Amino acid sequence: MLNNPSIQNLRLRLAQSEALPQLTLMALMTGLLAGGFLIAFEDLLFYFGVVSQRALIPEQVFATLASVESGYEAIPPLVRFLSPVGGAIALILLIKRCPPGQRSFGIAHVIERLTLNRGWLPITGTITQFLAALIALVSGFSVGREGPAVHLGAGAGSFLGQMLKLPANTLGVLAGCGTAAAIAALFNTPMAGVIFAMEVVMKEYSLESFIPVMASAVVASVLTQTVYGPNPAFQIPIIPSAVPEDLVVTAITAVIIGLLAAAFIQINIFAMQKRQNKVVLPLLIAGLLMGIVAVLVPATMGIGYDSIEALLNGDEVNLQFLFILLAAKLVITPLVIGLGVPGGMIGPSLMIGAAAGACCAMLADQLPGVSTNITFHVITGMIAMMAAIFQAPLTALITVLELTHSSQIILPAMLAIVIACLTSSQICGQQSIFAMQFLARGQSIQLSPMAQLLNRTGVAGLMDRQLVTLSSESEPNELRKISSTNSHWVVLGDRQPGQIIRTKDLLECQKQGISQIRDNAVIQTLPIDLQSTLYEARETMLDKGLDVLLVMENNGRKNLEICNAVGVITLQSIERFLSNAQ
């Protein structure tokens, strides 16, 4: 099936940068696959959460719970301590079974794979992420499900491309499509999913990527809305128009949130550096710390969506308790994630921002003549924290617009986002949390516009397919046939590996016999896989000092053979492609 001519034509078409219809079709399939994974993940998470709490909480108390997360406070303190410790042990047993190179999870892992590994995500790592995220969330760690969801969605897109042996320039786009599908499915915010994939993960805006990513987000949203309904992640009351005093409080709150975001990032980097790629001890420490905090402040367990809902609805909350919850969540979440717990940061960051906004609103209400709307400041706090931690202002703005369905929130949200991002980046010197993680590991994930352009096109889209294979034992009539063909290149099958000759040069040497080919006519080359991108081909040629690469089709074989040669790619053709694109 994989060698079906229609599949082969699809691969060759997708290797070209303008293959938008075919890429959109693959994006639709990615949206279905990612949406299905996310539905299975959500259902299993809910099932295990209900089962575990039903066994630990009295039936009359369990019946009154509004959600799984709201049941943590009803669990006995000893169980709250042992739950994350047991979860840490289970994570150790699971992660230790993975090869060292496949122990990275979440959004940072997806960004790294898109930038440095052509969008190739190992399926075993994606499966491990699925299981590890279930363990971390069910055992009550203060982590989100969005990071694992993005990994699962991107892994679904990458797996689809790998299964069909699509060119490498397609894998990155499909992984981005899976990212958008994951965010769109979790929050029921398809537009925010698209912008998050482009702004945070793929870091590029181009028509060739935008349309497929959008299509994938739409399909995933339709699928999850069919299963769970059309409501967004949070039920937000009607928000009144902002008055000047609300904008003043918003501006002050945004400065505080920018500082909190910088602290969040630094705590995470500190824990990550102390971990040093170890598994056992860091996860045990994470379990013990989470267990202690869970006993003292049960509301820190889980993502915190129940706390956000309470604050959005204006439920009466003790200010002192809110400060304690804010401080505990701000410290324990980046700490356990930095120590290796495979969870996300988006959900907890929203909760921290909501608590900060509520605290500032409640403090402002104590001033004479000041009256604020707590729901208003909870929302702007959520969005400001999300924007500052991930340095994703457009994603945050689109998210609040889709969650509230209100244009009145745009102006105050923009004010909060601008101030919080500037405070974190300019005053505190922090980049996005993912960029800071890569800097701490000594990695660079920035690609130039030229590299991005070359990565969007496969060698199959630019290679010269006019070639024949020849050996020194070829009969004279075979040599004569070459002159009657349209071939531009001749692969010398039994000479030194990696040698080819232009057809016109071979014909000039024909009178002397094939064994007398002039050495200066023979071109040294190396093989490159058919799935490679133009960026990989160009880097290989510049690194090895070559002008030509022989494009080979693997067909599942461990070793490439001369008979698998399907084309030739030249440095001159790549440079011409770059010139035409400018």
Protein backbone atom coordinates (compact mmCIF):
# COMPACT_ATOMS: atom_id res chain seq x y z
CA MET A 1 0.00 0.00 0.00
CA LEU A 2 2.78 2.43 0.92
CA ASN A 3 4.36 1.90 -2.51
CA ASN A 4 1.06 2.53 -4.30
CA PRO A 5 1.58 4.91 -7.26
CA SER A 6 -0.99 7.37 -5.86
CA ILE A 7 0.89 7.50 -2.54
CA GLN A 8 4.16 7.96 -4.42
CA ASN A 9 2.65 10.86 -6.38
CA LEU A 10 1.37 12.36 -3.13
CA ARG A 11 4.87 12.25 -1.62
CA LEU A 12 6.41 13.92 -4.65
CA ARG A 13 3.71 16.58 -4.67
CA LEU A 14 4.03 17.30 -0.94
CA ALA A 15 7.78 17.80 -1.37
CA GLN A 16 6.97 21.03 -3.22
CA SER A 17 6.30 24.18 -1.23
CA GLU A 18 3.10 25.02 -3.13
CA ALA A 19 1.31 21.68 -2.49
CA LEU A 20 -1.46 23.39 -0.52
CA PRO A 21 -4.48 21.19 -1.46
CA GLN A 22 -2.66 17.95 -0.66
CA LEU A 23 -1.24 19.37 2.57
CA THR A 24 -4.68 20.56 3.66
CA LEU A 25 -6.06 17.09 3.05
CA MET A 26 -3.38 15.61 5.29
CA ALA A 27 -4.15 18.31 7.88
CA LEU A 28 -7.79 17.26 7.96
CA MET A 29 -6.72 13.69 8.67
CA THR A 30 -4.37 14.97 11.39
CA GLY A 31 -7.23 16.91 13.01
CA LEU A 32 -9.35 13.76 13.15
CA LEU A 33 -6.50 11.69 14.56
CA ALA A 34 -5.44 14.29 17.13
CA GLY A 35 -9.04 14.98 18.15
CA GLY A 36 -9.62 11.27 18.68
CA PHE A 37 -6.50 10.98 20.83
CA LEU A 38 -7.58 13.97 22.93
CA ILE A 39 -11.08 12.58 23.46
CA ALA A 40 -9.61 9.26 24.61
CA PHE A 41 -7.18 11.11 26.90
CA GLU A 42 -9.92 13.28 28.44
CA ASP A 43 -12.27 10.33 28.97
CA LEU A 44 -9.59 8.20 30.61
CA LEU A 45 -8.51 11.09 32.81
CA PHE A 46 -12.08 11.69 33.94
CA TYR A 47 -12.72 7.97 34.49
CA PHE A 48 -9.63 7.36 36.62
CA GLY A 49 -10.24 10.58 38.55
CA VAL A 50 -13.82 9.59 39.37
CA VAL A 51 -12.89 6.02 40.26
CA SER A 52 -10.07 7.05 42.58
CA GLN A 53 -12.13 9.72 44.36
CA ARG A 54 -15.19 7.49 44.69
CA ALA A 55 -13.00 5.00 46.53
CA LEU A 56 -11.52 7.66 48.86
CA ILE A 57 -14.41 10.05 49.55
CA PRO A 58 -17.66 9.21 51.40
CA GLU A 59 -20.58 8.75 49.00
CA GLN A 60 -22.66 11.61 50.46
CA VAL A 61 -19.71 14.01 50.02
CA PHE A 62 -18.80 12.68 46.56
CA ALA A 63 -22.36 13.29 45.33
CA THR A 64 -22.04 17.02 46.06
CA LEU A 65 -18.81 17.57 44.11
CA ALA A 66 -19.05 19.87 41.10
CA SER A 67 -15.95 18.39 39.43
CA VAL A 68 -13.15 15.90 39.97
CA GLU A 69 -10.72 18.66 40.96
CA SER A 70 -13.04 19.98 43.66
CA GLY A 71 -12.77 16.65 45.47
CA TYR A 72 -9.11 16.93 46.49
CA GLU A 73 -9.94 18.80 49.70
CA ALA A 74 -12.27 15.98 50.78
CA ILE A 75 -9.50 13.37 50.52
CA PRO A 76 -7.80 12.48 53.85
CA PRO A 77 -4.45 14.33 54.38
CA LEU A 78 -2.38 11.13 54.45
CA VAL A 79 -3.80 10.08 51.08
CA ARG A 80 -3.13 13.56 49.67
CA PHE A 81 0.49 13.13 50.69
CA LEU A 82 0.88 9.58 49.42
CA SER A 83 -0.89 10.17 46.11
CA PRO A 84 1.82 12.32 44.42
CA VAL A 85 4.55 10.23 46.03
CA GLY A 86 3.01 7.10 44.52
CA GLY A 87 2.57 8.93 41.24
CA ALA A 88 6.26 9.85 41.24
CA ILE A 89 7.24 6.20 41.76
CA ALA A 90 4.96 5.13 38.91
CA LEU A 91 6.49 7.81 36.67
CA ILE A 92 9.99 6.60 37.52
CA LEU A 93 9.11 3.02 36.55
CA LEU A 94 7.54 4.21 33.29
CA ILE A 95 10.18 6.74 32.21
CA LYS A 96 13.13 4.49 33.12
CA ARG A 97 11.87 2.03 30.50
CA CYS A 98 12.31 4.68 27.79
CA PRO A 99 15.62 5.21 25.98
CA PRO A 100 17.46 8.29 27.32
CA GLY A 101 16.82 10.17 24.09
CA GLN A 102 13.05 9.76 24.44
CA ARG A 103 12.55 11.08 27.98
CA SER A 104 11.58 14.59 26.94
CA PHE A 105 7.91 15.55 26.91
CA GLY A 106 5.52 18.43 26.40
CA ILE A 107 5.55 21.59 24.31
CA ALA A 108 9.30 22.21 24.61
CA HIS A 109 9.92 18.73 23.20
CA VAL A 110 7.61 19.45 20.26
CA ILE A 111 9.37 22.77 19.52
CA GLU A 112 12.75 21.05 19.63
CA ARG A 113 11.60 18.30 17.29
CA LEU A 114 10.10 20.76 14.83
CA THR A 115 13.23 22.91 14.78
CA LEU A 116 16.05 20.40 15.02
CA ASN A 117 14.54 17.05 13.97
CA ARG A 118 12.39 17.88 10.93
CA GLY A 119 9.17 17.40 12.93
CA TRP A 120 9.95 13.72 13.55
CA LEU A 121 8.44 12.68 16.91
CA PRO A 122 8.99 9.06 17.97
CA ILE A 123 5.71 7.25 18.47
CA THR A 124 7.04 5.49 21.58
CA GLY A 125 7.69 8.87 23.19
CA THR A 126 4.15 9.99 22.35
CA ILE A 127 2.66 6.86 23.92
CA THR A 128 4.82 7.36 27.01
CA GLN A 129 3.62 10.98 27.23
CA PHE A 130 0.01 9.74 27.12
CA LEU A 131 0.53 7.34 30.02
CA ALA A 132 2.80 9.64 32.04
CA ALA A 133 0.37 12.55 31.81
CA LEU A 134 -2.46 10.35 33.05
CA ILE A 135 -0.34 9.30 36.04
CA ALA A 136 0.73 12.86 36.87
CA LEU A 137 -2.77 14.32 36.63
CA VAL A 138 -4.63 11.52 38.42
CA SER A 139 -2.11 11.51 41.28
CA GLY A 140 -2.77 15.22 41.88
CA PHE A 141 0.40 16.96 40.69
CA SER A 142 -0.03 20.70 40.12
CA VAL A 143 0.38 20.47 36.37
CA GLY A 144 -1.79 21.06 33.33
CA ARG A 145 -3.00 18.76 30.59
CA GLU A 146 -2.28 21.18 27.74
CA GLY A 147 1.42 20.36 27.41
CA PRO A 148 0.79 16.62 27.14
CA ALA A 149 -2.14 17.32 24.80
CA VAL A 150 0.09 19.34 22.47
CA HIS A 151 2.64 16.50 22.50
CA LEU A 152 -0.10 13.99 21.70
CA GLY A 153 -1.55 16.14 18.91
CA ALA A 154 1.83 16.88 17.35
CA GLY A 155 2.80 13.22 17.71
CA ALA A 156 -0.40 12.20 15.88
CA GLY A 157 0.44 14.48 12.95
CA SER A 158 4.06 13.34 12.85
CA PHE A 159 3.03 9.69 13.09
CA LEU A 160 0.66 10.08 10.14
CA GLY A 161 3.48 11.53 8.05
CA GLN A 162 5.92 8.83 9.13
CA MET A 163 3.43 6.05 8.44
CA LEU A 164 2.87 7.31 4.88
CA LYS A 165 6.62 8.08 4.48
CA LEU A 166 5.88 11.68 3.54
CA PRO A 167 8.76 14.11 2.91
CA ALA A 168 10.31 15.76 5.96
CA ASN A 169 9.07 19.23 5.01
CA THR A 170 5.54 17.88 5.57
CA LEU A 171 6.18 16.36 9.02
CA GLY A 172 6.76 19.73 10.68
CA VAL A 173 3.55 21.19 9.28
CA LEU A 174 1.54 18.13 10.32
CA ALA A 175 3.01 18.34 13.82
CA GLY A 176 1.95 22.00 13.91
CA CYS A 177 -1.51 20.94 12.75
CA GLY A 178 -1.70 18.48 15.63
CA THR A 179 -0.66 21.24 18.05
CA ALA A 180 -3.47 23.52 16.88
CA ALA A 181 -5.94 20.63 17.04
CA ALA A 182 -4.94 19.89 20.65
CA ILE A 183 -5.43 23.45 21.92
CA ALA A 184 -8.63 23.87 19.91
CA ALA A 185 -10.03 20.63 21.31
CA LEU A 186 -9.10 21.29 24.95
CA PHE A 187 -10.44 24.84 25.27
CA ASN A 188 -12.93 24.76 22.38
CA THR A 189 -11.02 27.74 20.98
CA PRO A 190 -10.04 26.86 17.38
CA MET A 191 -8.67 30.31 16.53
CA ALA A 192 -6.46 30.37 19.63
CA GLY A 193 -5.23 26.90 18.71
CA VAL A 194 -4.14 28.12 15.29
CA ILE A 195 -2.36 31.19 16.65
CA PHE A 196 -0.68 29.19 19.44
CA ALA A 197 0.69 26.69 16.92
CA MET A 198 2.03 29.45 14.67
CA GLU A 199 3.27 31.87 17.35
CA VAL A 200 4.69 29.53 19.99
CA VAL A 201 5.48 26.19 18.36
CA MET A 202 6.12 26.68 14.63
CA LYS A 203 7.24 30.33 14.94
CA GLU A 204 6.26 31.23 11.38
CA TYR A 205 3.34 32.71 9.48
CA SER A 206 2.97 31.51 5.91
CA LEU A 207 0.04 30.55 3.71
CA GLU A 208 1.52 27.09 3.18
CA SER A 209 1.29 26.46 6.93
CA PHE A 210 -1.63 28.66 7.96
CA ILE A 211 -4.37 27.02 5.88
CA PRO A 212 -3.54 23.41 6.89
CA VAL A 213 -3.17 24.36 10.56
CA MET A 214 -6.53 26.13 10.46
CA ALA A 215 -8.19 23.14 8.79
CA SER A 216 -6.85 20.78 11.43
CA ALA A 217 -8.10 23.01 14.28
CA VAL A 218 -11.57 23.18 12.73
CA VAL A 219 -11.87 19.40 12.37
CA ALA A 220 -10.67 18.76 15.94
CA SER A 221 -13.09 21.37 17.32
CA VAL A 222 -16.04 19.92 15.41
CA LEU A 223 -15.14 16.44 16.65
CA THR A 224 -14.87 17.45 20.31
CA GLN A 225 -17.97 19.66 20.13
CA THR A 226 -19.88 16.69 18.80
CA VAL A 227 -18.80 14.64 21.82
CA TYR A 228 -18.75 17.24 24.62
CA GLY A 229 -20.91 20.10 23.34
CA PRO A 230 -20.11 23.64 22.15
CA ASN A 231 -19.30 25.26 25.49
CA PRO A 232 -15.75 26.63 26.03
CA ALA A 233 -13.48 25.49 28.86
CA PHE A 234 -14.81 28.15 31.26
CA GLN A 235 -18.30 29.53 31.79
CA ILE A 236 -17.72 33.27 32.00
CA PRO A 237 -20.45 35.72 33.10
CA ILE A 238 -21.29 38.82 31.09
CA ILE A 239 -18.51 41.34 31.53
CA PRO A 240 -19.44 45.02 31.99
CA SER A 241 -17.57 47.78 30.16
CA ALA A 242 -14.33 48.86 31.80
CA VAL A 243 -14.32 52.14 33.70
CA PRO A 244 -11.13 54.23 34.22
CA GLU A 245 -10.52 52.89 37.73
CA ASP A 246 -10.69 49.33 36.38
CA LEU A 247 -8.04 50.17 33.79
CA VAL A 248 -5.78 51.65 36.48
CA VAL A 249 -6.13 48.51 38.60
CA THR A 250 -5.53 46.39 35.48
CA ALA A 251 -2.30 48.24 34.70
CA ILE A 252 -0.97 47.82 38.25
CA THR A 253 -2.02 44.17 38.31
CA ALA A 254 -0.26 43.56 34.98
CA VAL A 255 3.04 44.85 36.40
CA ILE A 256 2.70 42.47 39.36
CA ILE A 257 1.81 39.60 37.05
CA GLY A 258 4.84 40.32 34.87
CA LEU A 259 7.03 39.97 37.96
CA LEU A 260 5.24 36.76 38.98
CA ALA A 261 5.71 35.35 35.48
CA ALA A 262 9.45 36.06 35.65
CA ALA A 263 9.60 34.31 39.05
CA PHE A 264 7.69 31.33 37.61
CA ILE A 265 10.20 31.01 34.77
CA GLN A 266 13.23 31.30 37.05
CA ILE A 267 11.92 28.65 39.47
CA ASN A 268 11.36 26.28 36.56
CA ILE A 269 14.85 26.89 35.14
CA PHE A 270 16.42 26.44 38.59
CA ALA A 271 14.72 23.06 39.06
CA MET A 272 15.57 21.95 35.53
CA GLN A 273 19.26 22.78 36.01
CA LYS A 274 19.36 20.92 39.32
CA ARG A 275 17.76 17.87 37.70
CA GLN A 276 20.55 17.47 35.12
CA ASN A 277 18.66 14.85 33.07
CA LYS A 278 18.39 12.50 36.04
CA VAL A 279 15.14 10.65 36.63
CA VAL A 280 14.83 8.87 39.97
CA LEU A 281 15.89 11.39 42.63
CA PRO A 282 14.32 14.49 41.00
CA LEU A 283 10.95 12.76 40.58
CA LEU A 284 11.03 11.47 44.16
CA ILE A 285 11.76 15.00 45.41
CA ALA A 286 8.93 16.32 43.23
CA GLY A 287 6.55 13.75 44.71
CA LEU A 288 7.55 14.55 48.29
CA LEU A 289 7.30 18.32 47.79
CA MET A 290 3.92 17.99 46.08
CA GLY A 291 2.71 15.71 48.86
CA ILE A 292 3.69 18.22 51.57
CA VAL A 293 2.04 21.12 49.74
CA ALA A 294 -1.06 19.00 49.07
CA VAL A 295 -1.47 18.37 52.82
CA LEU A 296 -1.09 22.06 53.67
CA VAL A 297 -2.96 23.60 50.70
CA PRO A 298 -5.18 20.98 49.04
CA ALA A 299 -6.40 23.46 46.42
CA THR A 300 -2.97 23.36 44.76
CA MET A 301 -3.61 19.81 43.57
CA GLY A 302 -4.60 19.41 39.96
CA ILE A 303 -4.79 22.10 37.31
CA GLY A 304 -6.91 24.58 39.24
CA TYR A 305 -9.88 24.94 36.89
CA ASP A 306 -12.33 24.65 39.81
CA SER A 307 -10.66 27.62 41.51
CA ILE A 308 -10.83 29.62 38.27
CA GLU A 309 -14.54 28.86 37.91
CA ALA A 310 -15.18 29.99 41.49
CA LEU A 311 -13.30 33.26 40.97
CA LEU A 312 -15.00 33.93 37.63
CA ASN A 313 -18.42 33.47 39.22
CA GLY A 314 -17.53 35.89 42.00
CA ASP A 315 -17.76 33.31 44.79
CA GLU A 316 -16.68 34.71 48.10
CA VAL A 317 -13.04 33.82 48.78
CA ASN A 318 -10.91 34.68 51.77
CA LEU A 319 -8.13 37.08 50.71
CA GLN A 320 -5.55 35.47 53.00
CA PHE A 321 -6.34 32.01 51.62
CA LEU A 322 -6.08 33.36 48.07
CA PHE A 323 -2.61 34.76 48.77
CA ILE A 324 -1.50 31.41 50.20
CA LEU A 325 -2.93 29.53 47.20
CA LEU A 326 -1.26 31.95 44.78
CA ALA A 327 2.15 31.60 46.46
CA ALA A 328 1.93 27.81 46.72
CA LYS A 329 0.82 27.35 43.12
CA LEU A 330 3.45 29.80 41.85
CA VAL A 331 6.25 27.80 43.48
CA ILE A 332 5.17 24.16 43.31
CA THR A 333 4.03 24.09 39.66
CA PRO A 334 7.26 25.22 37.95
CA LEU A 335 9.24 23.27 40.53
CA VAL A 336 7.70 19.85 39.87
CA ILE A 337 7.67 20.39 36.10
CA GLY A 338 11.33 21.40 36.22
CA LEU A 339 12.08 18.26 38.21
CA GLY A 340 10.69 16.14 35.40
CA VAL A 341 6.98 15.64 36.03
CA PRO A 342 5.48 15.42 32.50
CA GLY A 343 2.71 18.02 32.74
CA GLY A 344 1.71 21.29 31.15
CA MET A 345 1.95 24.89 32.30
CA ILE A 346 -0.88 26.65 30.50
CA GLY A 347 -3.68 25.61 32.88
CA PRO A 348 -1.74 26.37 36.08
CA SER A 349 -0.57 29.69 34.61
CA LEU A 350 -4.21 30.67 34.02
CA MET A 351 -5.03 29.75 37.61
CA ILE A 352 -2.11 31.78 38.99
CA GLY A 353 -3.10 34.77 36.88
CA ALA A 354 -6.72 34.46 37.97
CA ALA A 355 -5.69 34.40 41.65
CA ALA A 356 -3.38 37.40 41.18
CA GLY A 357 -6.10 39.37 39.43
CA ALA A 358 -8.61 38.53 42.14
CA CYS A 359 -6.18 39.51 44.92
CA CYS A 360 -5.46 42.88 43.31
CA ALA A 361 -9.18 43.54 42.77
CA MET A 362 -10.02 42.68 46.37
CA LEU A 363 -7.23 44.91 47.66
CA ALA A 364 -8.37 47.75 45.41
CA ASP A 365 -11.93 47.42 46.78
CA GLN A 366 -10.61 48.28 50.23
CA LEU A 367 -9.54 51.72 49.04
CA PRO A 368 -12.06 54.52 49.58
CA GLY A 369 -14.24 55.28 46.58
CA VAL A 370 -12.99 52.28 44.53
CA SER A 371 -15.30 49.50 43.35
CA THR A 372 -14.08 46.85 40.91
CA ASN A 373 -15.63 43.90 39.13
CA ILE A 374 -13.69 40.81 40.28
CA THR A 375 -14.64 38.76 37.20
CA PHE A 376 -13.14 41.44 34.96
CA HIS A 377 -9.79 41.34 36.77
CA VAL A 378 -9.74 37.55 37.04
CA ILE A 379 -9.98 37.33 33.24
CA THR A 380 -7.35 40.00 32.54
CA GLY A 381 -5.08 38.40 35.13
CA MET A 382 -5.41 34.97 33.50
CA ILE A 383 -4.58 36.28 30.06
CA ALA A 384 -1.73 38.53 31.24
CA MET A 385 -0.01 35.62 33.03
CA MET A 386 -0.38 33.34 30.03
CA ALA A 387 1.02 36.00 27.70
CA ALA A 388 3.96 36.85 29.98
CA ILE A 389 5.09 33.27 30.67
CA PHE A 390 4.92 32.15 27.04
CA GLN A 391 5.60 35.57 25.47
CA ALA A 392 2.60 34.89 23.22
CA PRO A 393 0.54 38.10 23.22
CA LEU A 394 -1.55 37.30 20.15
CA THR A 395 -2.45 33.83 21.43
CA ALA A 396 -3.52 35.31 24.77
CA LEU A 397 -5.66 37.99 23.11
CA ILE A 398 -7.44 35.54 20.81
CA THR A 399 -7.97 33.15 23.73
CA VAL A 400 -9.75 35.75 25.87
CA LEU A 401 -11.86 36.82 22.90
CA GLU A 402 -13.00 33.26 22.20
CA LEU A 403 -13.62 32.47 25.87
CA THR A 404 -15.67 35.58 26.61
CA HIS A 405 -17.31 36.20 23.19
CA SER A 406 -17.10 39.86 24.14
CA SER A 407 -15.41 42.71 22.29
CA GLN A 408 -15.51 44.83 25.47
CA ILE A 409 -12.63 42.84 26.96
CA ILE A 410 -10.26 43.53 24.04
CA LEU A 411 -8.96 46.94 25.18
CA PRO A 412 -8.27 46.02 28.86
CA ALA A 413 -6.86 42.63 27.78
CA MET A 414 -4.45 44.34 25.38
CA LEU A 415 -3.40 46.74 28.12
CA ALA A 416 -2.74 43.88 30.56
CA ILE A 417 -0.90 41.79 27.96
CA VAL A 418 1.39 44.63 26.84
CA ILE A 419 2.36 45.65 30.37
CA ALA A 420 2.85 42.09 31.65
CA CYS A 421 4.96 41.04 28.65
CA LEU A 422 7.12 44.14 28.85
CA THR A 423 7.62 43.76 32.59
CA SER A 424 8.70 40.14 32.25
CA SER A 425 10.89 40.59 29.17
CA GLN A 426 12.35 44.09 29.48
CA ILE A 427 12.48 44.70 33.22
CA CYS A 428 13.18 41.13 34.34
CA GLY A 429 15.09 40.06 31.21
CA GLN A 430 13.06 36.89 30.59
CA GLN A 431 12.26 35.38 27.23
CA SER A 432 9.46 32.84 26.87
CA ILE A 433 9.74 29.91 29.26
CA PHE A 434 10.55 27.55 26.39
CA ALA A 435 13.30 29.81 25.05
CA MET A 436 14.75 30.06 28.55
CA GLN A 437 14.72 26.27 28.88
CA PHE A 438 16.64 25.88 25.63
CA LEU A 439 19.12 28.57 26.66
CA ALA A 440 19.70 26.77 29.96
CA ARG A 441 20.52 23.60 27.99
CA GLY A 442 22.80 25.51 25.62
CA GLN A 443 20.54 24.92 22.60
CA SER A 444 19.50 27.38 19.90
CA ILE A 445 16.07 26.94 18.34
CA GLN A 446 16.10 30.04 16.14
CA LEU A 447 16.04 29.41 12.41
CA SER A 448 16.67 32.12 9.82
CA PRO A 449 13.95 32.95 7.26
CA MET A 450 16.11 31.25 4.63
CA ALA A 451 16.26 28.05 6.70
CA GLN A 452 12.50 28.14 7.23
CA LEU A 453 11.95 28.50 3.48
CA LEU A 454 14.25 25.59 2.65
CA ASN A 455 12.66 23.43 5.34
CA ARG A 456 9.25 23.91 3.72
CA THR A 457 10.42 22.19 0.51
CA GLY A 458 11.64 18.61 0.09
CA VAL A 459 14.45 17.50 -2.19
CA ALA A 460 11.90 15.52 -4.18
CA GLY A 461 10.30 18.79 -5.26
CA LEU A 462 13.52 20.14 -6.82
CA MET A 463 15.57 17.10 -7.79
CA ASP A 464 16.42 16.18 -11.38
CA ARG A 465 14.84 12.78 -12.03
CA GLN A 466 16.52 12.25 -15.40
CA LEU A 467 19.21 9.69 -14.53
CA VAL A 468 20.26 6.15 -15.37
CA THR A 469 22.46 3.61 -13.62
CA LEU A 470 25.47 2.18 -15.46
CA SER A 471 28.28 -0.26 -14.68
CA SER A 472 31.68 -0.81 -16.35
CA GLU A 473 30.40 -4.09 -17.76
CA SER A 474 27.61 -2.41 -19.72
CA GLU A 475 27.36 -3.53 -23.34
CA PRO A 476 28.15 -1.03 -26.09
CA ASN A 477 24.53 -1.02 -27.23
CA GLU A 478 23.50 0.08 -23.70
CA LEU A 479 25.91 2.99 -23.95
CA ARG A 480 24.42 3.96 -27.28
CA LYS A 481 20.95 3.93 -25.74
CA ILE A 482 22.02 6.64 -23.30
CA SER A 483 22.49 9.10 -26.10
CA SER A 484 18.90 8.51 -27.22
CA THR A 485 17.43 9.11 -23.76
CA ASN A 486 16.69 12.38 -22.00
CA SER A 487 18.81 11.49 -18.99
CA HIS A 488 21.02 14.24 -17.61
CA TRP A 489 22.98 12.12 -15.15
CA VAL A 490 24.56 8.65 -15.10
CA VAL A 491 25.11 6.85 -11.80
CA LEU A 492 28.35 4.85 -11.89
CA GLY A 493 27.20 1.82 -9.99
CA ASP A 494 30.46 -0.13 -9.57
CA ARG A 495 32.97 2.68 -9.16
CA GLN A 496 33.77 4.23 -5.80
CA PRO A 497 30.59 4.74 -3.79
CA GLY A 498 29.03 8.11 -4.41
CA GLN A 499 30.28 8.90 -7.95
CA ILE A 500 28.17 10.10 -10.84
CA ILE A 501 28.83 11.76 -14.21
CA ARG A 502 26.88 14.11 -16.43
CA THR A 503 25.49 12.36 -19.51
CA LYS A 504 27.15 14.81 -21.88
CA ASP A 505 30.57 14.14 -20.29
CA LEU A 506 30.04 10.38 -20.55
CA LEU A 507 29.19 10.60 -24.23
CA GLU A 508 32.38 12.55 -24.86
CA CYS A 509 34.35 9.72 -23.24
CA GLN A 510 32.40 6.99 -25.03
CA LYS A 511 34.94 6.55 -27.83
CA GLN A 512 37.59 5.61 -25.24
CA GLY A 513 35.37 2.96 -23.57
CA ILE A 514 33.60 3.08 -20.23
CA SER A 515 36.74 2.09 -18.32
CA GLN A 516 38.54 5.15 -19.65
CA ILE A 517 36.24 7.80 -18.17
CA ARG A 518 38.32 10.82 -17.30
CA ASP A 519 38.69 11.33 -13.59
CA ASN A 520 38.02 15.04 -13.91
CA ALA A 521 34.61 14.25 -15.42
CA VAL A 522 33.50 12.14 -12.46
CA ILE A 523 31.59 14.04 -9.75
CA GLN A 524 31.94 13.02 -6.12
CA THR A 525 28.63 12.83 -4.30
CA LEU A 526 26.88 11.42 -1.25
CA PRO A 527 23.42 9.89 -0.85
CA ILE A 528 20.56 11.77 0.76
CA ASP A 529 17.16 10.35 1.63
CA LEU A 530 14.16 11.20 -0.55
CA GLN A 531 12.30 12.51 2.52
CA SER A 532 14.96 15.13 3.30
CA THR A 533 14.41 18.88 2.99
CA LEU A 534 16.33 21.38 0.87
CA TYR A 535 17.79 22.79 4.07
CA GLU A 536 19.33 19.42 4.96
CA ALA A 537 20.63 18.98 1.42
CA ARG A 538 22.21 22.43 1.35
CA GLU A 539 23.80 22.03 4.78
CA THR A 540 25.22 18.62 3.77
CA MET A 541 26.73 20.00 0.57
CA LEU A 542 28.26 23.03 2.28
CA ASP A 543 29.63 20.89 5.11
CA LYS A 544 31.15 18.25 2.80
CA GLY A 545 32.23 20.62 0.02
CA LEU A 546 30.00 18.95 -2.58
CA ASP A 547 27.98 20.36 -5.46
CA VAL A 548 25.72 17.35 -6.05
CA LEU A 549 23.82 14.83 -3.90
CA LEU A 550 22.30 11.57 -5.06
CA VAL A 551 18.69 11.27 -3.87
CA MET A 552 17.86 7.76 -2.69
CA GLU A 553 14.58 6.09 -1.80
CA ASN A 554 14.88 3.96 1.31
CA ASN A 555 11.85 1.67 0.84
CA GLY A 556 12.29 0.37 4.38
CA ARG A 557 15.80 -0.98 3.80
CA LYS A 558 18.51 -0.38 6.38
CA ASN A 559 21.16 0.31 3.72
CA LEU A 560 20.68 2.50 0.68
CA GLU A 561 21.69 0.86 -2.60
CA ILE A 562 22.56 2.36 -5.96
CA CYS A 563 19.44 0.82 -7.48
CA ASN A 564 17.37 3.01 -5.16
CA ALA A 565 18.66 6.24 -6.75
CA VAL A 566 15.69 8.33 -7.89
CA GLY A 567 17.20 11.73 -8.63
CA VAL A 568 19.99 14.27 -8.29
CA ILE A 569 19.91 17.53 -6.34
CA THR A 570 22.52 20.21 -7.01
CA LEU A 571 23.68 23.16 -4.95
CA GLN A 572 23.15 25.37 -7.99
CA SER A 573 19.45 24.43 -8.20
CA ILE A 574 18.96 25.21 -4.50
CA GLU A 575 20.63 28.61 -4.82
CA ARG A 576 18.47 29.34 -7.87
CA PHE A 577 15.39 28.37 -5.83
CA LEU A 578 16.42 30.83 -3.11
CA SER A 579 16.99 33.61 -5.63
CA ASN A 580 13.57 33.09 -7.21
CA ALA A 581 11.89 33.11 -3.79
CA GLN A 582 13.32 36.51 -2.85
